[in-house]
Protein backbone atom coordinates (compact mmCIF):
# COMPACT_ATOMS: atom_id res chain seq x y z
CA UNK A 1 -15.81 15.18 -13.50
CA UNK A 2 -13.24 13.17 -10.77
CA UNK A 3 -10.91 10.81 -13.43
CA UNK A 4 -10.62 9.25 -9.73
CA UNK A 5 -11.72 5.41 -9.40
CA UNK A 6 -14.21 4.93 -6.12
CA UNK A 7 -11.55 2.40 -4.92
CA UNK A 8 -8.84 5.10 -4.76
CA UNK A 9 -8.38 7.76 -2.07
CA UNK A 10 -7.06 10.33 -4.55
CA UNK A 11 -5.71 11.04 -7.89
CA UNK A 12 -1.60 10.61 -6.64
CA UNK A 13 -2.52 6.85 -5.24
CA UNK A 14 -4.39 6.09 -8.40
CA UNK A 15 -1.36 7.27 -10.75
CA UNK A 16 1.07 5.41 -7.81
CA UNK A 17 -1.26 2.29 -8.75
CA UNK A 18 -1.12 2.41 -12.23
CA UNK A 19 2.83 3.17 -12.13
CA UNK A 20 3.77 0.14 -10.22
CA UNK A 21 1.43 -2.29 -12.33
CA UNK A 22 2.86 -0.95 -15.64
CA UNK A 23 6.21 -1.47 -14.51
CA UNK A 24 4.85 -5.02 -13.56
CA UNK A 25 4.04 -6.11 -17.04
CA UNK A 26 7.23 -4.53 -18.26
CA UNK A 27 8.80 -6.68 -16.13
CA UNK A 28 7.27 -9.74 -17.62
CA UNK A 29 8.23 -8.21 -21.17
CA UNK A 30 11.62 -8.26 -19.64
CA UNK A 31 11.14 -12.10 -19.21
CA UNK A 32 9.79 -12.42 -22.63
CA UNK A 33 12.48 -10.88 -24.66
CA UNK A 34 15.41 -12.22 -22.56
CA UNK A 35 14.69 -15.30 -23.52
CA UNK A 36 15.39 -14.56 -26.90
CA UNK A 37 18.10 -12.49 -25.85
CA UNK A 38 19.57 -15.40 -23.98
CA UNK A 39 19.30 -18.09 -26.95
CA UNK A 40 21.02 -15.45 -28.98
CA UNK A 41 23.81 -14.85 -26.36
CA UNK A 42 24.05 -18.98 -26.64
CA UNK A 43 23.95 -19.65 -30.46
CA UNK A 44 26.48 -16.74 -30.76
CA UNK A 45 29.07 -18.27 -28.71
CA UNK A 46 28.29 -21.41 -30.20
CA UNK A 47 28.84 -20.11 -33.85
CA UNK A 48 30.28 -16.92 -33.70
CA UNK A 49 31.82 -16.95 -37.55
CA UNK A 50 28.26 -17.56 -38.39
CA UNK A 51 26.74 -14.84 -36.55
CA UNK A 52 29.35 -12.58 -38.03
CA UNK A 53 28.63 -13.78 -41.22
CA UNK A 54 24.92 -13.10 -41.26
CA UNK A 55 25.58 -9.55 -39.37
CA UNK A 56 27.74 -8.79 -42.21
CA UNK A 57 24.90 -9.02 -44.55
CA UNK A 58 23.09 -6.64 -42.25
CA UNK A 59 23.24 -2.90 -43.45
CA UNK A 60 24.28 -0.64 -40.80
CA UNK A 61 23.58 2.68 -42.28
CA UNK A 62 19.86 1.25 -42.24
CA UNK A 63 19.90 -0.16 -38.50
CA UNK A 64 21.28 3.26 -37.42
CA UNK A 65 18.69 5.30 -39.62
CA UNK A 66 15.90 3.43 -37.36
CA UNK A 67 17.75 4.08 -34.41
CA UNK A 68 17.96 7.90 -34.77
CA UNK A 69 14.24 7.84 -35.44
CA UNK A 70 13.00 5.39 -32.53
CA UNK A 71 15.08 7.99 -30.58
CA UNK A 72 13.52 11.04 -31.89
CA UNK A 73 9.93 9.24 -31.04
CA UNK A 74 11.40 8.37 -27.53
CA UNK A 75 12.00 12.56 -27.39
CA UNK A 76 8.61 13.54 -28.92
CA UNK A 77 6.72 11.01 -26.59
CA UNK A 78 8.15 12.99 -23.64
CA UNK A 79 7.08 16.14 -24.58
CA UNK A 80 3.58 15.19 -25.51
CA UNK A 81 3.22 14.24 -22.06
CA UNK A 82 4.85 17.39 -20.83
CA UNK A 83 2.44 19.10 -22.79
CA UNK A 84 -0.61 17.68 -21.38
CA UNK A 85 0.47 18.32 -17.86
CA UNK A 86 0.82 22.00 -19.13
CA UNK A 87 -2.93 22.19 -20.36
CA UNK A 88 -1.09 22.31 -23.75
CA UNK A 89 -3.72 20.05 -25.29
CA UNK A 90 -3.46 20.92 -29.06
CA UNK A 91 0.90 20.88 -29.06
CA UNK A 92 0.13 17.09 -26.98
CA UNK A 93 -2.21 16.34 -30.11
CA UNK A 94 0.60 17.48 -32.48
CA UNK A 95 3.52 15.53 -30.56
CA UNK A 96 1.63 12.08 -30.57
CA UNK A 97 1.01 12.74 -34.32
CA UNK A 98 5.05 13.10 -34.42
CA UNK A 99 5.68 10.17 -32.23
CA UNK A 100 3.37 8.38 -34.18
CA UNK A 101 4.69 9.37 -37.78
CA UNK A 102 8.21 8.15 -36.34
CA UNK A 103 7.34 5.00 -35.15
CA UNK A 104 5.55 4.42 -38.96
CA UNK A 105 8.39 5.52 -40.62
CA UNK A 106 10.47 2.96 -38.48
CA UNK A 107 8.19 0.04 -39.59
CA UNK A 108 8.05 0.99 -43.08
CA UNK A 109 11.94 1.15 -43.03
CA UNK A 110 11.94 -2.54 -41.23
CA UNK A 111 9.45 -3.54 -44.27
CA UNK A 112 12.07 -2.31 -46.65
CA UNK A 113 14.70 -3.99 -45.06
CA UNK A 114 12.38 -7.73 -44.69
CA UNK A 115 11.83 -7.12 -48.54
CA UNK A 116 15.67 -7.67 -49.75
CA UNK A 117 15.91 -10.34 -47.04
CA UNK A 118 13.62 -11.94 -48.79
CA UNK A 119 14.73 -10.89 -52.26
CA UNK A 120 18.44 -12.33 -51.48
CA UNK A 121 16.66 -15.70 -49.95
CA UNK A 122 17.99 -15.17 -46.52
CA UNK A 123 14.93 -15.88 -44.89
CA UNK A 124 14.96 -19.04 -42.91
CA UNK A 125 13.19 -21.87 -44.91
CA UNK A 126 13.59 -24.06 -47.72
CA UNK A 127 14.34 -21.46 -50.02
CA UNK A 128 17.29 -20.33 -47.70
CA UNK A 129 20.57 -19.33 -49.80
CA UNK A 130 23.83 -17.70 -48.76
CA UNK A 131 25.02 -15.80 -51.56
CA UNK A 132 28.43 -14.34 -52.13
CA UNK A 133 29.13 -15.41 -48.05
CA UNK A 134 32.03 -13.20 -46.75
CA UNK A 135 33.21 -16.09 -45.55
CA UNK A 136 33.25 -19.42 -47.19
CA UNK A 137 34.19 -21.64 -44.38
CA UNK A 138 30.94 -20.83 -42.30
CA UNK A 139 27.73 -23.61 -42.54
CA UNK A 140 24.86 -22.04 -44.44
CA UNK A 141 22.81 -23.99 -41.69
CA UNK A 142 24.46 -21.80 -38.89
CA UNK A 143 23.56 -18.05 -40.33
CA UNK A 144 20.15 -19.40 -41.21
CA UNK A 145 20.05 -20.06 -37.31
CA UNK A 146 21.28 -16.18 -37.14
CA UNK A 147 18.35 -14.75 -39.03
CA UNK A 148 15.95 -16.89 -37.63
CA UNK A 149 16.82 -15.42 -34.40
CA UNK A 150 17.01 -11.81 -36.35
CA UNK A 151 13.34 -12.33 -37.15
CA UNK A 152 11.97 -13.33 -34.47
CA UNK A 153 13.47 -10.59 -32.32
CA UNK A 154 12.85 -7.55 -34.88
CA UNK A 155 8.94 -9.58 -35.51
CA UNK A 156 8.68 -9.08 -31.96
CA UNK A 157 9.64 -5.94 -31.40
CA UNK A 158 8.10 -4.51 -34.59
CA UNK A 159 4.64 -5.90 -33.29
CA UNK A 160 4.88 -4.22 -30.05
CA UNK A 161 5.38 -1.29 -32.07
CA UNK A 162 2.38 -1.49 -33.97
CA UNK A 163 0.48 -2.45 -30.87
CA UNK A 164 1.80 1.25 -29.19
CA UNK A 165 0.80 2.79 -32.79
CA UNK A 166 -2.52 1.54 -31.77
CA UNK A 167 -2.75 2.78 -28.34
CA UNK A 168 -1.44 6.14 -29.35
CA UNK A 169 -3.90 6.97 -32.66
CA UNK A 170 -6.56 6.43 -29.65
CA UNK A 171 -5.06 8.21 -26.71
CA UNK A 172 -4.42 11.10 -29.44
CA UNK A 173 -8.38 11.21 -29.83
CA UNK A 174 -8.93 11.18 -26.57
CA UNK A 175 -6.24 14.09 -25.92
CA UNK A 176 -8.18 16.20 -29.05
CA UNK A 177 -11.09 15.96 -26.70
CA UNK A 178 -10.15 17.08 -24.00
CA UNK A 179 -9.43 13.78 -21.67
CA UNK A 180 -6.52 14.74 -20.17
CA UNK A 181 -5.08 17.68 -18.61
CA UNK A 182 -2.91 18.43 -15.90
CA UNK A 183 -4.85 17.07 -13.01
CA UNK A 184 -5.07 13.48 -15.40
CA UNK A 185 -3.06 12.33 -17.62
CA UNK A 186 -1.92 9.22 -16.38
CA UNK A 187 -2.99 6.95 -19.82
CA UNK A 188 -0.19 9.30 -21.32
CA UNK A 189 2.34 8.36 -18.80
CA UNK A 190 1.74 4.54 -18.50
CA UNK A 191 2.03 4.39 -22.69
CA UNK A 192 5.06 6.98 -22.51
CA UNK A 193 6.84 3.83 -20.15
CA UNK A 194 5.34 1.16 -23.22
CA UNK A 195 7.23 3.10 -25.90
CA UNK A 196 9.90 4.21 -23.87
CA UNK A 197 10.73 0.25 -23.08
CA UNK A 198 10.07 -0.68 -26.87
CA UNK A 199 12.54 1.96 -27.97
CA UNK A 200 15.12 0.30 -25.20
CA UNK A 201 14.50 -3.01 -26.50
CA UNK A 202 16.30 -2.03 -30.18
CA UNK A 203 18.77 -0.10 -28.71
CA UNK A 204 19.71 -3.52 -27.62
CA UNK A 205 19.01 -5.20 -30.58
CA UNK A 206 20.80 -2.61 -32.93
CA UNK A 207 24.19 -3.68 -31.73
CA UNK A 208 24.01 -7.36 -31.12
CA UNK A 209 22.60 -7.88 -34.67
CA UNK A 210 24.24 -5.02 -36.57
CA UNK A 211 27.10 -4.39 -35.21
CA UNK A 212 28.93 -7.65 -33.86
CA UNK A 213 31.43 -7.95 -37.00
């Protein structure tokens, strides 16, 4: 059975078209996250002390752990694609499963971190309260702005991860059924690009949010 759609001359042309399409999609994602990064940069410049105060209430060990988890998931994703290229179906399935477990672990750690912020009233809204500030001179309202951006940026990142996990689950089933091989594994390649992009977003979020102090 040929996996080449009728409007392509061959498999390589189909792969090239899919790759260009994915990179164009990721370019729109860069613009999307770029707007939030720009807002963060502007307000960070205006209220540096308040943003340092907000960052001081984040856990660097937790952020570091999640960074290690995501970087490892990128490795397992790349190895899953490599296994598919070598027709090692079940190894590819196992590595996709590992990628999903790592992604779920990241979200679990993030959920724990979110719960901690709710417990300490660091969620923007009517119940926001800055307890035990490191710098008593900062404005709580400006620290609340930091957390508004924190939840917006990390929340959107988490949403992209949830979407990625859903796609990976479908691909793992398809891989197990023999849908991909050395000759055809374009969906795995494209999902790999997406997953690496999401990981790279976190690589930028981590120092901006956790290490600015």
